[in-house]
Amino acid sequence: MSTKTKEAIIVDETLRAEAEDFVNKIDDIQVTDVEVRLSNGDVLPLPPRLAKFIERMIEAATAQTTRIMSLPDELTTTVAADQLGVSRPTLIKWAQQGKIDSHKVGSHHRFKTSDVQKLAKQLHEEKERAFAGLRALDEQLEE
């Protein structure tokens, strides 16, 4: 069972076990559709992004600690750098190079959350491609 408080949703061991069971059943198969059955019998399909969110919520429930937070439309350099997993100086350098858009509020850089998320996805995809390349090279060397 989960308990909703003003600050958090607390996941107990039973819910965590149910979430783990679900995650194990779907394994690496991607969830594509989610439908919700209402008490009046109506069935509502969830939009794909919301379905993905639900899937991630279930995956997160398997962890010992989970935190869900919302981000404002605009991020400081500290928060944006944290989201990207880089240092603030690196983020400022990227902004100066045009790798990510920013604007200044006084002397401080600000970043649109959507731009930060887009760059984070791009960086993740680049890492995945590089890793796949290394795996392919490793397999060639083993032959």
Protein backbone atom coordinates (compact mmCIF):
# COMPACT_ATOMS: atom_id res chain seq x y z
CA MET A 1 0.00 0.00 0.00
CA SER A 2 1.14 3.55 -0.60
CA THR A 3 0.36 6.33 1.79
CA LYS A 4 0.06 9.88 0.52
CA THR A 5 1.22 12.62 2.82
CA LYS A 6 1.56 16.29 2.05
CA GLU A 7 5.26 15.83 1.31
CA ALA A 8 5.56 12.33 -0.09
CA ILE A 9 4.02 9.10 -1.27
CA ILE A 10 5.31 6.32 0.97
CA VAL A 11 5.68 2.89 -0.63
CA ASP A 12 5.43 -0.06 1.76
CA GLU A 13 7.06 -3.48 1.27
CA THR A 14 3.91 -5.06 -0.23
CA LEU A 15 3.62 -2.42 -2.94
CA ARG A 16 7.37 -2.58 -3.55
CA ALA A 17 7.10 -6.36 -4.02
CA GLU A 18 4.15 -5.95 -6.42
CA ALA A 19 6.13 -3.37 -8.39
CA GLU A 20 9.15 -5.70 -8.56
CA ASP A 21 6.92 -8.54 -9.75
CA PHE A 22 5.47 -6.32 -12.50
CA VAL A 23 8.92 -5.08 -13.60
CA ASN A 24 10.21 -8.68 -13.69
CA LYS A 25 7.23 -9.80 -15.78
CA ILE A 26 7.72 -7.12 -18.42
CA ASP A 27 11.51 -7.63 -18.29
CA ASP A 28 12.98 -5.65 -21.21
CA ILE A 29 9.69 -5.47 -23.11
CA GLN A 30 8.59 -1.88 -23.55
CA VAL A 31 5.16 -0.78 -22.33
CA THR A 32 3.36 0.87 -25.26
CA ASP A 33 -0.20 1.41 -24.02
CA VAL A 34 -1.85 1.85 -20.64
CA GLU A 35 -5.60 1.92 -20.06
CA VAL A 36 -7.40 2.87 -16.88
CA ARG A 37 -10.72 1.21 -16.00
CA LEU A 38 -12.97 3.54 -14.02
CA SER A 39 -15.49 2.42 -11.40
CA ASN A 40 -18.35 3.23 -13.82
CA GLY A 41 -16.91 0.75 -16.35
CA ASP A 42 -15.41 3.34 -18.70
CA VAL A 43 -11.92 2.62 -20.01
CA LEU A 44 -9.63 5.56 -20.68
CA PRO A 45 -6.40 5.18 -22.63
CA LEU A 46 -3.50 7.18 -21.23
CA PRO A 47 -1.45 9.34 -23.60
CA PRO A 48 1.94 7.72 -24.39
CA ARG A 49 3.96 10.16 -22.24
CA LEU A 50 1.69 9.58 -19.26
CA ALA A 51 1.88 5.81 -19.82
CA LYS A 52 5.70 6.07 -19.80
CA PHE A 53 5.49 8.11 -16.59
CA ILE A 54 3.37 5.38 -14.95
CA GLU A 55 5.87 2.74 -16.08
CA ARG A 56 8.72 4.75 -14.57
CA MET A 57 6.73 5.27 -11.35
CA ILE A 58 6.31 1.51 -11.01
CA GLU A 59 10.03 0.98 -11.68
CA ALA A 60 10.85 3.67 -9.11
CA ALA A 61 8.64 1.96 -6.52
CA THR A 62 11.05 -1.00 -6.58
CA ALA A 63 13.83 1.14 -5.15
CA GLN A 64 14.37 1.52 -1.42
CA THR A 65 14.08 5.29 -1.71
CA THR A 66 12.36 7.16 -4.49
CA ARG A 67 11.92 10.86 -4.98
CA ILE A 68 9.63 12.46 -7.49
CA MET A 69 9.87 16.15 -8.05
CA SER A 70 8.71 18.69 -10.53
CA LEU A 71 10.98 21.21 -12.14
CA PRO A 72 10.15 24.82 -12.90
CA ASP A 73 10.16 26.06 -16.49
CA GLU A 74 13.50 27.74 -15.87
CA LEU A 75 16.57 26.33 -14.10
CA THR A 76 19.59 27.84 -12.40
CA THR A 77 23.07 26.77 -13.45
CA THR A 78 23.37 24.60 -10.34
CA VAL A 79 20.16 22.67 -10.98
CA ALA A 80 20.72 22.43 -14.75
CA ALA A 81 24.28 21.17 -14.27
CA ASP A 82 23.04 18.61 -11.74
CA GLN A 83 20.36 17.39 -14.19
CA LEU A 84 23.03 16.99 -16.88
CA GLY A 85 25.61 15.41 -14.58
CA VAL A 86 28.25 18.03 -15.36
CA SER A 87 29.93 20.83 -13.45
CA ARG A 88 28.64 24.38 -13.51
CA PRO A 89 31.75 25.62 -15.38
CA THR A 90 31.19 22.97 -18.07
CA LEU A 91 27.56 24.04 -18.42
CA ILE A 92 28.54 27.72 -18.72
CA LYS A 93 31.15 26.77 -21.34
CA TRP A 94 28.49 24.85 -23.30
CA ALA A 95 26.18 27.87 -23.13
CA GLN A 96 28.96 30.13 -24.43
CA GLN A 97 29.67 27.64 -27.24
CA GLY A 98 25.97 27.47 -28.16
CA LYS A 99 25.57 23.81 -27.21
CA ILE A 100 22.61 24.86 -25.01
CA ASP A 101 20.60 28.06 -25.02
CA SER A 102 20.57 30.28 -21.97
CA HIS A 103 19.63 33.78 -21.00
CA LYS A 104 20.84 35.99 -18.20
CA VAL A 105 18.94 37.28 -15.22
CA GLY A 106 21.28 39.93 -13.91
CA SER A 107 24.67 38.25 -14.01
CA HIS A 108 23.27 34.71 -13.67
CA HIS A 109 22.56 32.23 -16.47
CA ARG A 110 19.14 30.57 -16.64
CA PHE A 111 18.18 27.56 -18.75
CA LYS A 112 14.81 26.36 -20.02
CA THR A 113 13.98 23.01 -18.45
CA SER A 114 12.95 21.66 -21.86
CA ASP A 115 16.37 22.58 -23.31
CA VAL A 116 18.15 20.87 -20.41
CA GLN A 117 16.04 17.73 -20.82
CA LYS A 118 16.65 17.71 -24.58
CA LEU A 119 20.41 17.99 -24.06
CA ALA A 120 20.33 15.30 -21.35
CA LYS A 121 18.59 12.94 -23.78
CA GLN A 122 21.12 13.79 -26.50
CA LEU A 123 24.05 13.15 -24.13
CA HIS A 124 22.51 9.84 -23.04
CA GLU A 125 22.07 8.75 -26.67
CA GLU A 126 25.69 9.70 -27.44
CA LYS A 127 26.88 7.59 -24.49
CA GLU A 128 24.75 4.65 -25.64
CA ARG A 129 26.20 4.86 -29.17
CA ALA A 130 29.75 5.08 -27.82
CA PHE A 131 29.14 2.11 -25.53
CA ALA A 132 27.65 0.08 -28.40
CA GLY A 133 30.74 0.91 -30.45
CA LEU A 134 33.01 -0.28 -27.67
CA ARG A 135 31.04 -3.52 -27.31
CA ALA A 136 31.31 -4.15 -31.06
CA LEU A 137 35.05 -3.49 -30.94
CA ASP A 138 35.41 -5.82 -27.95
CA GLU A 139 33.55 -8.57 -29.81
CA GLN A 140 35.81 -8.12 -32.86
CA LEU A 141 38.90 -8.37 -30.70
CA GLU A 142 37.64 -11.60 -29.08
CA GLU A 143 37.26 -13.32 -32.49
